[in-house]
Amino acid sequence: MPDSKADIAMLEAARAAGPPTDPATAQRINCTPENIEQGLARLVLSLVELLRQVLERQAIRRMEGGSLEEEQVEKMGEALMVLEAKIHELAANFGLTPADLNIDLGPLGHLLEK
C-alpha cells in the first residue's frame, strides 16, 4: 500500500507508461502457459542438476578420503549416473538442452560447472 503522495504519483506514472519496452525485460515477463511450464521445468531441473553436481563432488571427496567402501562407491556412482540420465530425459521432454539448465546469473556467472 503506498505511503505517500509521492508513492501514489510514482505508481500512476508507471501505470501510464504501460508495459516495459526493453526487449530483455519484455521477454522475461512474457507469460503464456507454455512459457511458464518450460520456465518452471528449467528452474527445477537446474536446481536438481546443481544438487547432483554437489553430491558428485562430495562423493569424490569421500572416495579420495578413503571413507567409502568399494561397494558404496559403485552404488553412489550408479545412482548419480541414473539421476543425470533422468535429468537429461526430463529436460528433453520439455524441449530443453543440458546447456539450457545452466542459468546465467549475470555478474555472478553461470549456475552450473561443466
C-alpha atoms as a PDB file:
ATOM      1  CA  MET A   1       0.000   0.000   0.000  1.00  0.00           C
ATOM      2  CA  PRO A   2       1.501   3.401  -0.975  1.00  0.00           C
ATOM      3  CA  ASP A   3       2.502   5.519   1.996  1.00  0.00           C
ATOM      4  CA  SER A   4       2.674   8.978   0.478  1.00  0.00           C
ATOM      5  CA  LYS A   5       1.527  11.158  -2.380  1.00  0.00           C
ATOM      6  CA  ALA A   6       4.933  10.629  -3.999  1.00  0.00           C
ATOM      7  CA  ASP A   7       4.421   6.863  -3.954  1.00  0.00           C
ATOM      8  CA  ILE A   8       0.976   7.233  -5.477  1.00  0.00           C
ATOM      9  CA  ALA A   9       2.317   9.547  -8.171  1.00  0.00           C
ATOM     10  CA  MET A  10       5.119   7.097  -8.972  1.00  0.00           C
ATOM     11  CA  LEU A  11       2.669   4.197  -9.273  1.00  0.00           C
ATOM     12  CA  GLU A  12       0.360   6.236 -11.517  1.00  0.00           C
ATOM     13  CA  ALA A  13       3.294   7.244 -13.742  1.00  0.00           C
ATOM     14  CA  ALA A  14       4.387   3.615 -14.059  1.00  0.00           C
ATOM     15  CA  ARG A  15       0.845   2.554 -14.892  1.00  0.00           C
ATOM     16  CA  ALA A  16       0.534   5.303 -17.532  1.00  0.00           C
ATOM     17  CA  ALA A  17       3.871   4.318 -19.107  1.00  0.00           C
ATOM     18  CA  GLY A  18       2.476   0.891 -19.961  1.00  0.00           C
ATOM     19  CA  PRO A  19       4.443  -2.336 -20.269  1.00  0.00           C
ATOM     20  CA  PRO A  20       8.249  -2.235 -20.421  1.00  0.00           C
ATOM     21  CA  THR A  21       9.736  -1.631 -23.849  1.00  0.00           C
ATOM     22  CA  ASP A  22      13.162  -3.136 -23.117  1.00  0.00           C
ATOM     23  CA  PRO A  23      13.260  -6.423 -25.106  1.00  0.00           C
ATOM     24  CA  ALA A  24      15.123  -8.292 -22.348  1.00  0.00           C
ATOM     25  CA  THR A  25      12.572  -7.256 -19.730  1.00  0.00           C
ATOM     26  CA  ALA A  26       9.633  -7.933 -22.025  1.00  0.00           C
ATOM     27  CA  GLN A  27      10.961 -11.438 -22.731  1.00  0.00           C
ATOM     28  CA  ARG A  28      11.223 -12.244 -19.022  1.00  0.00           C
ATOM     29  CA  ILE A  29       7.664 -11.087 -18.358  1.00  0.00           C
ATOM     30  CA  ASN A  30       6.048 -12.807 -21.358  1.00  0.00           C
ATOM     31  CA  CYS A  31       3.755 -15.246 -19.548  1.00  0.00           C
ATOM     32  CA  THR A  32       1.972 -17.860 -21.582  1.00  0.00           C
ATOM     33  CA  PRO A  33       1.084 -21.321 -20.277  1.00  0.00           C
ATOM     34  CA  GLU A  34       3.844 -22.853 -22.442  1.00  0.00           C
ATOM     35  CA  ASN A  35       6.465 -20.345 -21.270  1.00  0.00           C
ATOM     36  CA  ILE A  36       5.519 -20.783 -17.649  1.00  0.00           C
ATOM     37  CA  GLU A  37       5.667 -24.582 -17.862  1.00  0.00           C
ATOM     38  CA  GLN A  38       9.020 -24.604 -19.656  1.00  0.00           C
ATOM     39  CA  GLY A  39      10.442 -21.903 -17.364  1.00  0.00           C
ATOM     40  CA  LEU A  40       9.397 -23.788 -14.254  1.00  0.00           C
ATOM     41  CA  ALA A  41      10.816 -27.035 -15.641  1.00  0.00           C
ATOM     42  CA  ARG A  42      14.071 -25.227 -16.450  1.00  0.00           C
ATOM     43  CA  LEU A  43      14.331 -23.805 -12.931  1.00  0.00           C
ATOM     44  CA  VAL A  44      13.527 -27.091 -11.157  1.00  0.00           C
ATOM     45  CA  LEU A  45      15.812 -29.187 -13.371  1.00  0.00           C
ATOM     46  CA  SER A  46      18.615 -26.628 -12.981  1.00  0.00           C
ATOM     47  CA  LEU A  47      18.371 -26.894  -9.199  1.00  0.00           C
ATOM     48  CA  VAL A  48      18.269 -30.698  -9.315  1.00  0.00           C
ATOM     49  CA  GLU A  49      21.335 -30.700 -11.596  1.00  0.00           C
ATOM     50  CA  LEU A  50      23.131 -28.336  -9.197  1.00  0.00           C
ATOM     51  CA  LEU A  51      22.377 -30.695  -6.288  1.00  0.00           C
ATOM     52  CA  ARG A  52      23.535 -33.682  -8.350  1.00  0.00           C
ATOM     53  CA  GLN A  53      26.843 -31.961  -9.040  1.00  0.00           C
ATOM     54  CA  VAL A  54      27.289 -31.080  -5.364  1.00  0.00           C
ATOM     55  CA  LEU A  55      26.576 -34.692  -4.367  1.00  0.00           C
ATOM     56  CA  GLU A  56      29.009 -35.928  -7.001  1.00  0.00           C
ATOM     57  CA  ARG A  57      31.794 -33.674  -5.693  1.00  0.00           C
ATOM     58  CA  GLN A  58      31.071 -34.785  -2.129  1.00  0.00           C
ATOM     59  CA  ALA A  59      31.182 -38.439  -3.196  1.00  0.00           C
ATOM     60  CA  ILE A  60      34.540 -37.870  -4.900  1.00  0.00           C
ATOM     61  CA  ARG A  61      35.937 -36.205  -1.756  1.00  0.00           C
ATOM     62  CA  ARG A  62      34.738 -39.090   0.402  1.00  0.00           C
ATOM     63  CA  MET A  63      36.107 -41.640  -2.049  1.00  0.00           C
ATOM     64  CA  GLU A  64      39.506 -39.916  -2.198  1.00  0.00           C
ATOM     65  CA  GLY A  65      39.476 -39.623   1.601  1.00  0.00           C
ATOM     66  CA  GLY A  66      39.011 -43.372   1.898  1.00  0.00           C
ATOM     67  CA  SER A  67      35.818 -43.194   3.939  1.00  0.00           C
ATOM     68  CA  LEU A  68      33.797 -45.289   1.462  1.00  0.00           C
ATOM     69  CA  GLU A  69      33.952 -48.970   0.740  1.00  0.00           C
ATOM     70  CA  GLU A  70      34.214 -50.173  -2.869  1.00  0.00           C
ATOM     71  CA  GLU A  71      30.569 -51.288  -2.895  1.00  0.00           C
ATOM     72  CA  GLN A  72      29.408 -47.871  -1.649  1.00  0.00           C
ATOM     73  CA  VAL A  73      31.429 -46.142  -4.366  1.00  0.00           C
ATOM     74  CA  GLU A  74      29.803 -48.349  -7.016  1.00  0.00           C
ATOM     75  CA  LYS A  75      26.272 -47.731  -5.709  1.00  0.00           C
ATOM     76  CA  MET A  76      26.810 -43.987  -5.455  1.00  0.00           C
ATOM     77  CA  GLY A  77      28.309 -43.774  -8.928  1.00  0.00           C
ATOM     78  CA  GLU A  78      25.414 -45.743 -10.382  1.00  0.00           C
ATOM     79  CA  ALA A  79      22.819 -43.607  -8.611  1.00  0.00           C
ATOM     80  CA  LEU A  80      24.438 -40.380  -9.811  1.00  0.00           C
ATOM     81  CA  MET A  81      24.576 -41.653 -13.405  1.00  0.00           C
ATOM     82  CA  VAL A  82      20.904 -42.659 -13.307  1.00  0.00           C
ATOM     83  CA  LEU A  83      19.978 -39.262 -11.867  1.00  0.00           C
ATOM     84  CA  GLU A  84      21.945 -37.447 -14.570  1.00  0.00           C
ATOM     85  CA  ALA A  85      20.248 -39.502 -17.304  1.00  0.00           C
ATOM     86  CA  LYS A  86      16.816 -38.775 -15.816  1.00  0.00           C
ATOM     87  CA  ILE A  87      17.553 -35.035 -15.684  1.00  0.00           C
ATOM     88  CA  HIS A  88      18.533 -35.090 -19.374  1.00  0.00           C
ATOM     89  CA  GLU A  89      15.434 -37.126 -20.243  1.00  0.00           C
ATOM     90  CA  LEU A  90      13.107 -34.726 -18.428  1.00  0.00           C
ATOM     91  CA  ALA A  91      14.853 -31.722 -19.986  1.00  0.00           C
ATOM     92  CA  ALA A  92      14.329 -33.215 -23.451  1.00  0.00           C
ATOM     93  CA  ASN A  93      10.632 -33.762 -22.656  1.00  0.00           C
ATOM     94  CA  PHE A  94      10.305 -30.011 -22.067  1.00  0.00           C
ATOM     95  CA  GLY A  95      12.342 -29.102 -25.148  1.00  0.00           C
ATOM     96  CA  LEU A  96      15.396 -28.115 -23.106  1.00  0.00           C
ATOM     97  CA  THR A  97      19.021 -28.958 -23.721  1.00  0.00           C
ATOM     98  CA  PRO A  98      21.569 -29.530 -20.937  1.00  0.00           C
ATOM     99  CA  ALA A  99      23.004 -26.090 -21.792  1.00  0.00           C
ATOM    100  CA  ASP A 100      19.580 -24.528 -21.087  1.00  0.00           C
ATOM    101  CA  LEU A 101      19.865 -25.710 -17.482  1.00  0.00           C
ATOM    102  CA  ASN A 102      22.982 -23.603 -16.923  1.00  0.00           C
ATOM    103  CA  ILE A 103      21.151 -20.441 -15.880  1.00  0.00           C
ATOM    104  CA  ASP A 104      23.008 -17.170 -16.407  1.00  0.00           C
ATOM    105  CA  LEU A 105      23.256 -15.374 -13.056  1.00  0.00           C
ATOM    106  CA  GLY A 106      24.535 -12.139 -14.589  1.00  0.00           C
ATOM    107  CA  PRO A 107      27.658 -10.807 -12.893  1.00  0.00           C
ATOM    108  CA  LEU A 108      27.921 -13.977 -10.797  1.00  0.00           C
ATOM    109  CA  GLY A 109      28.438 -16.135 -13.878  1.00  0.00           C
ATOM    110  CA  HIS A 110      26.545 -19.331 -14.608  1.00  0.00           C
ATOM    111  CA  LEU A 111      24.826 -21.619 -12.125  1.00  0.00           C
ATOM    112  CA  LEU A 112      26.466 -24.888 -13.145  1.00  0.00           C
ATOM    113  CA  GLU A 113      30.029 -26.024 -13.704  1.00  0.00           C
ATOM    114  CA  LYS A 114      30.505 -28.097 -16.811  1.00  0.00           C
END
